[in-house]
N, C-alpha and C. Protein backbone atom coordinates (compact mmCIF):
# COMPACT_ATOMS: atom_id res chain seq x y z
N MET A 1 0.54 -0.72 0.32
CA MET A 1 -0.19 0.31 0.06
C MET A 1 1.14 1.23 0.15
N SER A 2 1.00 2.29 -0.75
CA SER A 2 1.17 3.98 -0.81
C SER A 2 0.92 4.45 0.30
N TRP A 3 1.94 5.64 0.48
CA TRP A 3 2.01 5.67 1.69
C TRP A 3 0.54 6.87 1.39
N GLU A 4 0.22 7.37 0.00
CA GLU A 4 -1.40 7.89 0.47
C GLU A 4 -2.03 7.56 0.35
N GLN A 5 -1.73 6.28 0.34
CA GLN A 5 -3.32 5.02 0.44
C GLN A 5 -3.22 4.74 2.00
N MET A 6 -2.36 4.90 2.37
CA MET A 6 -2.45 4.81 4.49
C MET A 6 -3.01 6.58 5.26
N LEU A 7 -1.96 7.50 4.37
CA LEU A 7 -2.78 8.49 4.90
C LEU A 7 -3.96 9.10 5.11
N ASP A 8 -4.76 8.49 3.38
CA ASP A 8 -6.16 8.07 3.28
C ASP A 8 -7.09 7.16 4.09
N ARG A 9 -6.06 6.20 4.48
CA ARG A 9 -7.34 5.26 5.40
C ARG A 9 -6.88 5.68 7.15
N VAL A 10 -6.16 6.75 7.26
CA VAL A 10 -5.72 6.93 8.80
C VAL A 10 -6.56 7.98 9.09
N VAL A 11 -6.59 9.10 7.62
CA VAL A 11 -7.42 10.11 8.31
C VAL A 11 -9.18 9.10 8.07
N ARG A 12 -9.60 9.31 7.62
CA ARG A 12 -10.78 8.42 7.07
C ARG A 12 -11.22 7.64 8.23
N GLU A 13 -10.23 6.02 8.54
CA GLU A 13 -10.30 5.11 10.15
C GLU A 13 -10.06 5.52 11.17
N ARG A 14 -9.33 6.81 11.30
CA ARG A 14 -9.26 6.99 12.63
C ARG A 14 -8.96 8.30 13.30
N TYR A 15 -9.12 8.56 11.84
CA TYR A 15 -9.30 10.21 12.77
C TYR A 15 -10.09 10.94 14.08
N PRO A 16 -10.77 10.49 14.36
CA PRO A 16 -12.14 11.11 15.35
C PRO A 16 -10.84 10.12 16.70
N ARG A 17 -11.02 8.96 16.65
CA ARG A 17 -9.83 9.25 18.04
C ARG A 17 -8.79 9.26 18.01
N LEU A 18 -8.26 9.91 17.36
CA LEU A 18 -6.62 10.40 17.19
C LEU A 18 -6.73 12.23 17.69
N LEU A 19 -8.29 12.57 17.23
CA LEU A 19 -8.68 13.78 17.95
C LEU A 19 -8.70 13.55 18.87
N ALA A 20 -9.51 12.65 19.39
CA ALA A 20 -9.56 12.49 20.86
C ALA A 20 -8.65 12.68 21.84
N HIS A 21 -7.61 11.72 21.22
CA HIS A 21 -6.50 11.93 21.70
C HIS A 21 -5.61 12.91 22.25
N ALA A 22 -5.16 13.62 20.73
CA ALA A 22 -5.34 15.42 20.54
C ALA A 22 -5.86 15.80 21.85
N THR A 23 -7.24 16.24 22.26
CA THR A 23 -7.90 16.87 22.50
C THR A 23 -7.90 16.97 23.86
N LEU A 24 -7.40 15.75 24.82
CA LEU A 24 -7.09 15.01 26.13
C LEU A 24 -6.13 15.90 26.31
N LEU A 25 -5.06 15.13 26.02
CA LEU A 25 -3.98 16.52 25.19
C LEU A 25 -3.67 17.46 25.89
N THR A 26 -4.42 19.03 24.66
CA THR A 26 -4.24 19.63 24.84
C THR A 26 -4.96 20.42 25.25
N GLY A 27 -6.45 19.57 25.76
CA GLY A 27 -7.72 20.78 26.59
C GLY A 27 -8.22 21.51 25.49
N ASP A 28 -7.93 21.82 24.17
CA ASP A 28 -8.09 22.50 23.39
C ASP A 28 -9.41 22.02 21.73
N ARG A 29 -10.01 21.67 21.05
CA ARG A 29 -9.88 21.16 20.04
C ARG A 29 -9.70 21.96 19.33
N ALA A 30 -9.28 23.30 18.97
CA ALA A 30 -9.02 24.15 17.77
C ALA A 30 -6.81 23.35 18.56
N ASP A 31 -6.76 23.45 19.33
CA ASP A 31 -5.36 22.76 19.26
C ASP A 31 -5.41 21.89 18.52
N ALA A 32 -5.75 20.84 19.28
CA ALA A 32 -6.39 19.06 18.96
C ALA A 32 -6.06 19.19 17.44
N GLN A 33 -6.01 19.71 16.78
CA GLN A 33 -6.37 19.84 15.17
C GLN A 33 -5.61 20.27 14.44
N ASP A 34 -5.11 21.65 15.32
CA ASP A 34 -3.62 21.57 15.16
C ASP A 34 -2.74 20.96 15.08
N VAL A 35 -2.23 20.34 15.75
CA VAL A 35 -1.77 19.58 16.70
C VAL A 35 -1.22 18.53 15.88
N LEU A 36 -2.76 17.90 16.13
CA LEU A 36 -2.63 16.88 14.68
C LEU A 36 -2.56 16.58 13.59
N GLN A 37 -3.01 18.14 12.80
CA GLN A 37 -3.02 18.18 11.65
C GLN A 37 -1.07 18.14 11.24
N ASP A 38 -0.73 19.38 12.31
CA ASP A 38 1.02 18.78 11.88
C ASP A 38 1.97 17.48 12.13
N ALA A 39 1.28 16.55 13.19
CA ALA A 39 1.71 15.30 13.56
C ALA A 39 1.58 14.00 11.98
N LEU A 40 0.09 14.58 11.15
CA LEU A 40 -0.17 13.75 9.89
C LEU A 40 0.69 14.06 8.95
N VAL A 41 1.88 15.80 9.21
CA VAL A 41 2.07 15.85 8.02
C VAL A 41 3.17 15.07 8.13
N ALA A 42 3.64 15.12 9.51
CA ALA A 42 5.48 15.17 9.54
C ALA A 42 5.13 13.73 9.55
N THR A 43 4.43 12.83 9.70
CA THR A 43 4.28 11.28 8.96
C THR A 43 4.64 10.86 8.03
N PHE A 44 3.83 11.91 7.34
CA PHE A 44 4.15 11.64 6.20
C PHE A 44 4.25 12.29 5.05
N SER A 45 4.81 13.00 5.16
CA SER A 45 5.65 14.17 4.36
C SER A 45 6.93 13.56 4.09
N GLY A 46 7.70 12.90 4.90
CA GLY A 46 8.97 11.53 4.66
C GLY A 46 8.59 10.71 3.43
N ARG A 47 7.36 10.45 3.43
CA ARG A 47 6.74 8.96 2.11
C ARG A 47 6.65 8.14 3.21
N ALA A 48 6.77 8.22 4.78
CA ALA A 48 6.60 7.30 5.59
C ALA A 48 6.26 5.73 5.01
N ARG A 49 6.26 4.53 5.03
CA ARG A 49 5.63 3.13 5.03
C ARG A 49 5.50 2.62 6.15
N PHE A 50 4.26 2.39 5.97
CA PHE A 50 4.10 1.70 7.82
C PHE A 50 3.42 -0.03 7.20
N ALA A 51 3.36 -0.73 7.23
CA ALA A 51 3.03 -2.54 7.39
C ALA A 51 1.61 -2.18 7.36
N THR A 52 0.49 -1.93 8.77
CA THR A 52 -0.36 -2.00 8.89
C THR A 52 -0.86 -0.82 9.35
N LEU A 53 -1.98 -0.22 9.49
CA LEU A 53 -3.13 0.39 10.19
C LEU A 53 -2.46 1.03 11.31
N ALA A 54 -2.82 -0.11 12.26
CA ALA A 54 -2.14 0.30 13.20
C ALA A 54 -0.53 1.11 13.45
N GLU A 55 0.00 0.43 13.20
CA GLU A 55 1.09 0.74 13.17
C GLU A 55 1.73 2.21 12.99
N ALA A 56 0.57 3.06 11.83
CA ALA A 56 0.49 4.01 11.04
C ALA A 56 -0.05 4.91 11.64
N GLU A 57 -1.06 4.32 13.00
CA GLU A 57 -2.39 4.93 14.36
C GLU A 57 -0.65 5.20 15.33
N ALA A 58 -0.42 4.58 15.33
CA ALA A 58 0.54 4.88 16.71
C ALA A 58 1.73 5.14 16.88
N TYR A 59 2.38 5.93 15.75
CA TYR A 59 3.11 6.34 14.94
C TYR A 59 2.75 7.82 14.43
N VAL A 60 1.37 7.96 14.53
CA VAL A 60 0.56 9.55 14.81
C VAL A 60 0.24 9.88 15.47
N ARG A 61 -0.31 8.86 16.71
CA ARG A 61 -0.13 9.74 18.30
C ARG A 61 0.80 9.25 19.45
N ARG A 62 2.57 8.93 18.88
CA ARG A 62 3.22 9.19 19.20
C ARG A 62 3.41 10.69 18.30
N ALA A 63 3.46 10.88 17.70
CA ALA A 63 3.81 12.28 16.75
C ALA A 63 3.11 13.16 17.67
N VAL A 64 1.85 13.31 18.10
CA VAL A 64 0.97 14.53 18.54
C VAL A 64 1.27 14.32 19.70
N THR A 65 1.76 13.62 20.56
CA THR A 65 2.10 13.37 21.88
C THR A 65 3.50 14.68 21.45
N THR A 66 4.47 14.22 20.47
CA THR A 66 5.53 15.21 21.16
C THR A 66 5.51 16.70 20.16
N ARG A 67 4.03 16.28 19.10
CA ARG A 67 3.56 18.10 18.95
C ARG A 67 3.36 18.93 20.31
N TYR A 68 2.55 18.60 20.80
CA TYR A 68 1.68 18.65 22.08
C TYR A 68 2.95 19.20 23.07
N ILE A 69 3.76 18.09 23.08
CA ILE A 69 4.89 18.68 24.60
C ILE A 69 5.61 20.38 23.37
N ASP A 70 5.71 19.79 22.41
CA ASP A 70 6.57 20.97 21.55
C ASP A 70 5.89 22.34 21.96
N LEU A 71 3.65 22.13 21.90
CA LEU A 71 3.39 23.76 21.87
C LEU A 71 3.24 23.59 23.33
N VAL A 72 3.62 23.02 24.20
CA VAL A 72 3.51 23.82 25.47
C VAL A 72 4.88 24.71 25.84
N ARG A 73 6.03 23.65 25.52
CA ARG A 73 7.33 24.58 25.56
C ARG A 73 7.60 26.28 24.36
N ARG A 74 6.82 25.50 23.12
CA ARG A 74 6.13 26.84 23.00
C ARG A 74 6.35 28.15 22.85
N ARG A 75 4.84 27.92 24.10
CA ARG A 75 3.84 28.69 24.87
C ARG A 75 4.47 29.03 26.07
N ASP A 76 5.25 28.51 26.96
CA ASP A 76 6.18 28.42 27.64
C ASP A 76 7.18 29.72 27.14
N SER A 77 7.60 29.87 26.00
CA SER A 77 8.64 30.05 25.70
C SER A 77 8.10 32.18 25.38
N GLU A 78 6.91 32.17 25.08
CA GLU A 78 6.29 33.77 24.88
C GLU A 78 5.92 33.69 25.56
N ARG A 79 5.78 33.37 26.62
CA ARG A 79 4.62 34.03 28.08
C ARG A 79 6.02 34.78 28.64
N ARG A 80 7.03 33.70 28.42
CA ARG A 80 8.43 34.49 29.10
C ARG A 80 8.40 35.92 28.13
N ALA A 81 8.64 35.26 26.72
CA ALA A 81 9.11 36.85 26.11
C ALA A 81 8.35 37.41 25.77
N LEU A 82 7.21 38.25 26.23
CA LEU A 82 5.74 38.69 27.16
C LEU A 82 5.91 39.60 28.12
N ARG A 83 6.49 38.68 28.71
CA ARG A 83 6.68 39.12 30.21
C ARG A 83 8.22 40.26 30.49
N VAL A 84 9.09 39.56 29.80
CA VAL A 84 10.37 40.70 29.08
C VAL A 84 9.16 41.90 28.95
N VAL A 85 8.64 42.26 27.36
CA VAL A 85 8.99 43.21 26.83
C VAL A 85 7.40 43.69 27.62
N GLY A 86 6.84 43.18 29.06
CA GLY A 86 5.99 43.72 28.89
C GLY A 86 4.20 43.89 28.40
N SER A 87 4.31 43.03 27.72
CA SER A 87 3.27 43.08 26.34
C SER A 87 1.67 42.37 27.56
N ARG A 88 0.59 42.33 26.84
CA ARG A 88 -0.34 41.67 28.67
C ARG A 88 -0.77 40.69 27.23
N ARG A 89 -1.04 38.74 27.46
CA ARG A 89 -1.40 38.50 26.95
C ARG A 89 -3.44 37.97 26.96
N THR A 90 -3.29 37.01 25.79
CA THR A 90 -4.98 38.07 25.91
C THR A 90 -5.59 36.12 27.26
N ALA A 91 -7.14 37.22 27.20
CA ALA A 91 -7.65 35.71 28.46
C ALA A 91 -7.58 34.29 26.86
N PRO A 92 -7.17 33.15 27.80
CA PRO A 92 -7.76 32.23 26.90
C PRO A 92 -9.01 31.57 26.45
N VAL A 93 -9.20 30.80 25.58
CA VAL A 93 -10.72 30.42 25.32
C VAL A 93 -11.19 29.21 25.42
N GLU A 94 -11.89 29.70 26.66
CA GLU A 94 -13.02 28.95 27.02
C GLU A 94 -12.96 27.14 26.36
N LEU A 95 -13.22 26.02 26.97
CA LEU A 95 -13.48 25.04 26.31
C LEU A 95 -14.25 25.14 26.22
N GLN A 96 -15.08 24.23 24.69
CA GLN A 96 -16.34 24.12 25.46
C GLN A 96 -16.14 22.25 25.61
N PRO A 97 -16.08 21.66 26.10
CA PRO A 97 -15.84 20.07 26.18
C PRO A 97 -17.22 19.58 25.32
N VAL A 98 -16.68 18.09 24.45
CA VAL A 98 -17.85 17.53 23.75
C VAL A 98 -17.66 16.17 24.31
N GLY A 99 -18.68 15.74 24.72
CA GLY A 99 -19.25 14.24 25.24
C GLY A 99 -17.81 14.03 26.21
N VAL A 100 -18.02 15.23 26.85
CA VAL A 100 -17.02 14.73 28.40
C VAL A 100 -17.94 15.33 29.50
N ALA A 101 -16.52 15.79 31.22
CA ALA A 101 -17.69 16.12 32.02
C ALA A 101 -16.72 17.06 32.02
N ARG A 102 -17.45 18.41 32.45
CA ARG A 102 -15.96 19.90 32.29
C ARG A 102 -15.48 19.79 33.51
N GLU A 103 -15.64 19.11 34.57
CA GLU A 103 -14.62 18.81 35.42
C GLU A 103 -13.94 18.17 35.58
N LEU A 104 -13.66 16.98 34.33
CA LEU A 104 -12.42 16.44 34.06
C LEU A 104 -11.75 16.88 33.53
N VAL A 105 -12.78 17.92 32.27
CA VAL A 105 -11.19 19.08 31.42
C VAL A 105 -11.01 19.80 32.26
N ASP A 106 -11.97 20.37 33.30
CA ASP A 106 -10.62 21.16 33.76
C ASP A 106 -9.30 20.39 34.57
N ALA A 107 -9.85 19.21 35.40
CA ALA A 107 -8.87 18.59 36.25
C ALA A 107 -7.92 18.45 35.55
N LEU A 108 -7.88 17.67 34.37
CA LEU A 108 -6.34 17.34 33.23
C LEU A 108 -5.89 19.13 33.09
N ALA A 109 -6.82 19.51 33.00
CA ALA A 109 -5.79 20.94 32.33
C ALA A 109 -4.78 21.49 34.06
N ALA A 110 -5.71 21.08 34.42
CA ALA A 110 -4.82 21.97 35.86
C ALA A 110 -3.57 21.34 36.10
N LEU A 111 -3.38 19.72 35.32
CA LEU A 111 -2.17 19.25 35.73
C LEU A 111 -0.81 19.33 34.98
N SER A 112 0.24 19.44 35.26
CA SER A 112 1.43 20.01 34.84
C SER A 112 1.60 18.72 32.61
N PRO A 113 1.61 19.70 31.80
CA PRO A 113 1.68 18.87 30.34
C PRO A 113 2.56 17.35 31.28
N ARG A 114 3.75 17.33 31.78
CA ARG A 114 4.13 15.83 31.45
C ARG A 114 3.64 14.82 32.39
N GLN A 115 3.02 15.49 33.58
CA GLN A 115 1.79 14.97 33.81
C GLN A 115 0.94 14.24 33.30
N ARG A 116 -0.33 15.34 32.53
CA ARG A 116 -1.31 15.12 31.60
C ARG A 116 -0.87 14.38 30.95
N ALA A 117 0.76 14.43 29.75
CA ALA A 117 0.76 13.60 28.45
C ALA A 117 0.38 11.43 29.41
N CYS A 118 1.27 11.65 30.89
CA CYS A 118 1.53 10.60 31.49
C CYS A 118 -0.01 9.87 31.43
N VAL A 119 -0.57 10.34 32.17
CA VAL A 119 -2.24 9.61 32.80
C VAL A 119 -2.40 9.43 30.74
N VAL A 120 -2.72 10.49 30.86
CA VAL A 120 -3.33 10.42 29.27
C VAL A 120 -2.81 9.41 28.31
N LEU A 121 -1.60 8.95 28.12
CA LEU A 121 -1.04 7.69 27.29
C LEU A 121 -0.94 6.69 27.73
N ARG A 122 -0.66 6.80 29.10
CA ARG A 122 -0.57 5.49 30.25
C ARG A 122 -1.83 5.19 30.88
N HIS A 123 -3.23 5.38 31.04
CA HIS A 123 -4.76 5.41 31.06
C HIS A 123 -5.79 5.10 30.24
N VAL A 124 -5.31 5.94 28.97
CA VAL A 124 -6.51 6.34 27.64
C VAL A 124 -6.13 5.65 26.74
N GLU A 125 -4.31 6.09 26.27
CA GLU A 125 -4.10 5.23 25.22
C GLU A 125 -3.32 4.02 25.92
N ASP A 126 -3.70 3.28 26.81
CA ASP A 126 -3.32 2.26 27.60
C ASP A 126 -1.58 1.61 26.58
N LEU A 127 -0.76 2.81 26.50
CA LEU A 127 0.96 2.07 26.53
C LEU A 127 1.08 1.55 27.77
N SER A 128 2.18 0.71 26.91
CA SER A 128 3.33 0.42 28.57
C SER A 128 3.51 2.19 29.17
N LEU A 129 4.56 1.09 30.24
CA LEU A 129 5.43 1.55 31.06
C LEU A 129 6.14 2.06 30.44
N ARG A 130 6.83 1.52 29.43
CA ARG A 130 8.20 1.61 28.76
C ARG A 130 7.26 2.35 27.08
N GLN A 131 6.33 1.84 27.01
CA GLN A 131 6.37 2.76 25.42
C GLN A 131 5.57 4.23 25.73
N THR A 132 5.02 4.40 26.90
CA THR A 132 4.86 5.96 27.41
C THR A 132 6.43 6.75 28.01
N ALA A 133 7.63 5.91 28.01
CA ALA A 133 8.85 5.89 28.90
C ALA A 133 9.66 7.02 26.73
N GLU A 134 9.27 5.94 25.87
CA GLU A 134 10.18 6.34 24.92
C GLU A 134 9.06 7.36 24.08
N ALA A 135 7.91 7.62 24.43
CA ALA A 135 7.04 8.53 23.55
C ALA A 135 7.52 9.57 23.91
N LEU A 136 7.80 10.10 25.20
CA LEU A 136 7.78 11.42 25.47
C LEU A 136 9.46 11.64 26.18
N GLY A 137 10.32 10.31 25.88
CA GLY A 137 12.09 10.72 25.87
C GLY A 137 12.20 10.88 27.71
N LEU A 138 11.47 9.76 28.14
CA LEU A 138 11.64 10.48 29.80
C LEU A 138 12.11 8.69 30.85
N SER A 139 12.11 8.52 31.51
CA SER A 139 13.27 7.46 32.32
C SER A 139 11.73 6.45 32.91
N GLU A 140 11.41 5.41 32.90
CA GLU A 140 10.19 5.07 33.76
C GLU A 140 9.79 5.07 35.10
N GLY A 141 10.87 5.66 35.61
CA GLY A 141 10.38 6.72 37.15
C GLY A 141 9.94 7.33 36.65
N ALA A 142 10.26 8.29 35.90
CA ALA A 142 9.74 9.14 35.97
C ALA A 142 7.89 9.49 35.26
N VAL A 143 8.12 8.52 34.86
CA VAL A 143 6.68 8.29 34.05
C VAL A 143 5.56 7.69 34.98
N LYS A 144 6.56 6.62 35.83
CA LYS A 144 5.78 6.43 36.85
C LYS A 144 5.52 7.23 38.18
N ARG A 145 6.23 8.21 38.32
CA ARG A 145 6.53 9.72 38.98
C ARG A 145 4.94 10.74 38.75
N TYR A 146 5.41 11.10 37.37
CA TYR A 146 4.24 11.83 36.82
C TYR A 146 3.19 11.37 36.76
N THR A 147 3.23 9.92 36.32
CA THR A 147 1.42 9.40 36.37
C THR A 147 0.91 9.81 37.82
N ALA A 148 1.45 8.83 38.33
CA ALA A 148 1.21 8.93 40.55
C ALA A 148 0.63 10.20 40.88
N ASP A 149 1.42 10.78 39.79
CA ASP A 149 1.25 12.64 40.25
C ASP A 149 -0.05 13.19 40.39
N GLY A 150 -0.03 12.64 38.56
CA GLY A 150 -0.98 12.99 37.95
C GLY A 150 -2.45 12.68 38.59
N LEU A 151 -2.43 11.13 38.40
CA LEU A 151 -3.60 10.24 38.96
C LEU A 151 -4.07 11.45 40.49
N ALA A 152 -3.08 11.56 41.19
CA ALA A 152 -3.47 12.03 42.81
C ALA A 152 -3.74 13.50 42.71
N ALA A 153 -3.54 14.15 41.91
CA ALA A 153 -3.69 15.51 41.61
C ALA A 153 -5.69 15.21 40.67
N LEU A 154 -5.49 14.43 39.80
CA LEU A 154 -6.15 14.10 39.42
C LEU A 154 -8.00 14.24 40.37
N ASN A 155 -6.94 12.89 41.71
CA ASN A 155 -8.51 12.62 42.40
C ASN A 155 -8.48 14.00 43.37
N ALA A 156 -7.18 14.45 43.68
CA ALA A 156 -8.13 16.12 44.12
C ALA A 156 -8.60 17.06 43.88
N LEU A 157 -8.57 17.33 42.92
CA LEU A 157 -9.65 18.08 42.07
C LEU A 157 -10.57 17.84 41.74
N LEU A 158 -11.07 15.93 41.67
CA LEU A 158 -12.18 15.74 41.02
C LEU A 158 -13.35 15.24 43.10
N GLY A 159 -11.92 15.08 43.52
CA GLY A 159 -13.12 14.70 45.37
C GLY A 159 -12.94 13.40 45.05
N THR A 160 -12.17 13.25 44.55
CA THR A 160 -12.22 11.27 44.79
C THR A 160 -11.31 10.87 45.30
N THR A 161 -10.75 9.44 45.89
CA THR A 161 -9.57 8.63 46.58
C THR A 161 -8.66 7.70 45.30
N ALA A 162 -7.85 7.62 45.61
CA ALA A 162 -7.22 6.47 45.38
C ALA A 162 -7.56 5.52 44.78
N ASP A 163 -8.83 4.80 45.82
CA ASP A 163 -9.65 3.72 44.60
C ASP A 163 -10.24 4.43 43.78
N ASP A 164 -10.58 5.26 43.80
CA ASP A 164 -11.51 5.84 42.64
C ASP A 164 -10.20 5.97 41.49
N ASP A 165 -9.19 6.11 41.73
CA ASP A 165 -8.45 5.92 39.93
C ASP A 165 -9.10 5.59 39.03
N GLU A 166 -9.92 4.36 39.57
CA GLU A 166 -10.66 3.45 37.94
C GLU A 166 -11.35 4.04 37.56
N ARG A 167 -12.34 4.67 38.02
CA ARG A 167 -13.15 5.55 37.73
C ARG A 167 -13.07 6.48 37.22
N VAL A 168 -11.72 7.11 37.35
CA VAL A 168 -11.09 9.00 36.29
C VAL A 168 -10.75 7.76 35.04
N VAL A 169 -10.10 7.22 35.58
CA VAL A 169 -9.42 6.18 34.31
C VAL A 169 -10.19 5.99 32.88
N VAL A 170 -11.56 5.37 33.72
CA VAL A 170 -12.95 4.81 32.45
C VAL A 170 -13.79 5.97 32.16
N ARG A 171 -13.64 7.09 32.61
CA ARG A 171 -14.38 8.39 32.37
C ARG A 171 -13.36 9.35 31.37
N MET A 172 -12.43 9.13 31.84
CA MET A 172 -11.29 9.47 30.37
C MET A 172 -11.46 8.55 29.34
N LYS A 173 -11.68 7.67 29.36
CA LYS A 173 -11.31 6.39 27.86
C LYS A 173 -12.75 6.93 27.22
N GLU A 174 -13.95 7.33 28.57
CA GLU A 174 -14.90 7.08 27.65
C GLU A 174 -14.84 8.40 26.45
N VAL A 175 -13.99 9.76 26.90
CA VAL A 175 -13.91 10.56 25.78
C VAL A 175 -13.07 10.18 24.80
N HIS A 176 -12.15 8.87 24.67
CA HIS A 176 -11.79 9.17 24.09
C HIS A 176 -12.46 7.91 23.19
N ASP A 177 -12.54 7.10 22.76
CA ASP A 177 -13.93 5.54 22.18
C ASP A 177 -15.05 6.43 21.75
N ALA A 178 -15.35 8.46 22.25
CA ALA A 178 -16.27 8.47 21.23
C ALA A 178 -16.22 8.55 19.92
C-alpha cells in the first residue's frame, strides 16, 4: 500500500480517535486539530511506509504527543518573552468539551504537561510504561512518578480517592472512545 493510501485510511478510519487523543492532551479542540494536522504532515511528508494501519496510527499518536509537548514549550517561551517586553496576554479561549464532563477537562488542564501526557498515554491510550517512556523521552521511573502525581492531583481536584483511580480512568476512556 502506498503512503498516500495509508494516509487516506488513517484519516478516514482513525481521525476521530486521534482527535480525541489530541484533545485530551491539549484541552482545546482547535489546538488538538492543529497538533494532529502537524503530526499527520510530519508522519507522512517523508513518505513513510507502514505495514499496517495500527502501526501508522501508533506512529501518529506518538507524533501528536511530541507536537503537544513542543506546543507547551513554545507557549511557555512566548509567555516569558511577553513578560519581558511588558505585553499583555489575551484571555484563554473557553473550552467547550464535547462528550466529557467539564470537571474532568478542568482537572486535566490543571495538571502539568508531563503529568497530563503520562496520564493520558498510560490510562487512555493504554501504552505500557516502556512505550510511554519512549514516546516522551523520559525514564520509566519518571513516567511512574508523573503518572502517580497526575492521578493524585486528579483525585484531589475531582474529590475522589485513590480507590477511585479506575473511575477517573474509565471516564477518560469514554471520551477517547467517543
